[in-house]
Amino acid sequence: MAKLRYHIRFPEEKIPAPIIYEIGHEYKVVTSIRRADVRDTTGWMDVEFLGDTEEIERAVDGMREKGVLVDPIELNVVE
């Protein structure tokens, strides 16, 4: 099993949507929010995904399709 981390930025209109919840149910991944700052008009999260690498990649693509910006976190800076 892989453990990969991503920085997710939410456009204002996507902040109320339960995107992380949906991804955890639509794909075979376990999501863990490591850090977050979500406000009325801006939001970001550092999320750790646990699962098969291929399934994590599918989940990341799914988040992008839902309209959020997703970037990998290269180092284990979220502890």
C-alpha atoms as a PDB file:
ATOM      1  CA  MET A   1       0.000   0.000   0.000  1.00  0.00           C
ATOM      2  CA  ALA A   2       1.157   3.482  -0.830  1.00  0.00           C
ATOM      3  CA  LYS A   3       0.896   6.560   1.354  1.00  0.00           C
ATOM      4  CA  LEU A   4       0.918   9.766  -0.718  1.00  0.00           C
ATOM      5  CA  ARG A   5       0.283  13.357   0.322  1.00  0.00           C
ATOM      6  CA  TYR A   6      -1.299  16.181  -1.631  1.00  0.00           C
ATOM      7  CA  HIS A   7      -1.955  19.884  -1.175  1.00  0.00           C
ATOM      8  CA  ILE A   8      -5.532  20.674  -2.236  1.00  0.00           C
ATOM      9  CA  ARG A   9      -6.833  24.182  -2.925  1.00  0.00           C
ATOM     10  CA  PHE A  10     -10.536  24.865  -3.130  1.00  0.00           C
ATOM     11  CA  PRO A  11     -12.055  27.620  -5.288  1.00  0.00           C
ATOM     12  CA  GLU A  12     -14.619  29.635  -3.337  1.00  0.00           C
ATOM     13  CA  GLU A  13     -17.606  27.941  -4.983  1.00  0.00           C
ATOM     14  CA  LYS A  14     -16.266  24.456  -4.055  1.00  0.00           C
ATOM     15  CA  ILE A  15     -15.701  25.132  -0.335  1.00  0.00           C
ATOM     16  CA  PRO A  16     -19.176  23.929   0.794  1.00  0.00           C
ATOM     17  CA  ALA A  17     -18.927  20.662  -1.208  1.00  0.00           C
ATOM     18  CA  PRO A  18     -17.948  17.508   0.743  1.00  0.00           C
ATOM     19  CA  ILE A  19     -15.259  16.585  -1.793  1.00  0.00           C
ATOM     20  CA  ILE A  20     -12.892  14.719   0.555  1.00  0.00           C
ATOM     21  CA  TYR A  21     -15.803  12.679   1.916  1.00  0.00           C
ATOM     22  CA  GLU A  22     -16.972  11.855  -1.616  1.00  0.00           C
ATOM     23  CA  ILE A  23     -13.490  10.797  -2.736  1.00  0.00           C
ATOM     24  CA  GLY A  24     -13.177   8.457   0.239  1.00  0.00           C
ATOM     25  CA  HIS A  25     -16.414   6.753  -0.794  1.00  0.00           C
ATOM     26  CA  GLU A  26     -15.968   6.776  -4.578  1.00  0.00           C
ATOM     27  CA  TYR A  27     -12.460   5.292  -4.586  1.00  0.00           C
ATOM     28  CA  LYS A  28     -10.659   2.618  -2.584  1.00  0.00           C
ATOM     29  CA  VAL A  29      -8.528   5.065  -0.625  1.00  0.00           C
ATOM     30  CA  VAL A  30      -8.360   6.142   2.985  1.00  0.00           C
ATOM     31  CA  THR A  31      -8.152   9.909   3.409  1.00  0.00           C
ATOM     32  CA  SER A  32      -6.511  11.654   6.337  1.00  0.00           C
ATOM     33  CA  ILE A  33      -6.564  15.441   6.604  1.00  0.00           C
ATOM     34  CA  ARG A  34      -3.160  16.412   8.017  1.00  0.00           C
ATOM     35  CA  ARG A  35      -3.534  20.228   7.961  1.00  0.00           C
ATOM     36  CA  ALA A  36      -6.227  22.580   6.748  1.00  0.00           C
ATOM     37  CA  ASP A  37      -7.392  26.158   6.636  1.00  0.00           C
ATOM     38  CA  VAL A  38     -10.930  26.541   5.331  1.00  0.00           C
ATOM     39  CA  ARG A  39     -12.750  29.865   5.441  1.00  0.00           C
ATOM     40  CA  ASP A  40     -15.768  31.405   3.720  1.00  0.00           C
ATOM     41  CA  THR A  41     -13.894  32.424   0.578  1.00  0.00           C
ATOM     42  CA  THR A  42     -10.670  30.372   0.564  1.00  0.00           C
ATOM     43  CA  GLY A  43      -9.624  26.919   1.553  1.00  0.00           C
ATOM     44  CA  TRP A  44      -6.751  24.477   1.410  1.00  0.00           C
ATOM     45  CA  MET A  45      -5.916  21.080   2.884  1.00  0.00           C
ATOM     46  CA  ASP A  46      -2.917  18.801   3.084  1.00  0.00           C
ATOM     47  CA  VAL A  47      -4.365  15.319   2.707  1.00  0.00           C
ATOM     48  CA  GLU A  48      -2.715  11.931   3.002  1.00  0.00           C
ATOM     49  CA  PHE A  49      -4.088   9.078   0.890  1.00  0.00           C
ATOM     50  CA  LEU A  50      -3.528   5.442   1.738  1.00  0.00           C
ATOM     51  CA  GLY A  51      -4.185   2.788  -0.886  1.00  0.00           C
ATOM     52  CA  ASP A  52      -2.861   1.295  -4.100  1.00  0.00           C
ATOM     53  CA  THR A  53      -0.918   3.866  -6.118  1.00  0.00           C
ATOM     54  CA  GLU A  54      -3.188   3.431  -9.137  1.00  0.00           C
ATOM     55  CA  GLU A  55      -6.305   3.996  -7.035  1.00  0.00           C
ATOM     56  CA  ILE A  56      -4.793   7.093  -5.397  1.00  0.00           C
ATOM     57  CA  GLU A  57      -4.047   8.485  -8.865  1.00  0.00           C
ATOM     58  CA  ARG A  58      -7.657   7.827  -9.872  1.00  0.00           C
ATOM     59  CA  ALA A  59      -8.846   9.634  -6.723  1.00  0.00           C
ATOM     60  CA  VAL A  60      -6.604  12.629  -7.516  1.00  0.00           C
ATOM     61  CA  ASP A  61      -8.014  12.748 -11.051  1.00  0.00           C
ATOM     62  CA  GLY A  62     -11.503  12.569  -9.535  1.00  0.00           C
ATOM     63  CA  MET A  63     -10.790  15.562  -7.311  1.00  0.00           C
ATOM     64  CA  ARG A  64      -9.527  17.543 -10.278  1.00  0.00           C
ATOM     65  CA  GLU A  65     -12.718  16.666 -12.164  1.00  0.00           C
ATOM     66  CA  LYS A  66     -14.673  18.055  -9.205  1.00  0.00           C
ATOM     67  CA  GLY A  67     -12.902  21.379  -9.704  1.00  0.00           C
ATOM     68  CA  VAL A  68     -10.220  21.535  -7.021  1.00  0.00           C
ATOM     69  CA  LEU A  69      -6.498  22.127  -7.531  1.00  0.00           C
ATOM     70  CA  VAL A  70      -4.302  19.222  -6.458  1.00  0.00           C
ATOM     71  CA  ASP A  71      -0.508  19.235  -6.144  1.00  0.00           C
ATOM     72  CA  PRO A  72       1.704  16.483  -4.721  1.00  0.00           C
ATOM     73  CA  ILE A  73       3.646  17.195  -1.560  1.00  0.00           C
ATOM     74  CA  GLU A  74       7.137  16.058  -2.453  1.00  0.00           C
ATOM     75  CA  LEU A  75       8.580  15.609   1.024  1.00  0.00           C
ATOM     76  CA  ASN A  76       7.061  14.337   4.242  1.00  0.00           C
ATOM     77  CA  VAL A  77       6.653  17.846   5.595  1.00  0.00           C
ATOM     78  CA  VAL A  78       3.253  17.167   7.144  1.00  0.00           C
ATOM     79  CA  GLU A  79       3.755  15.396  10.447  1.00  0.00           C
END
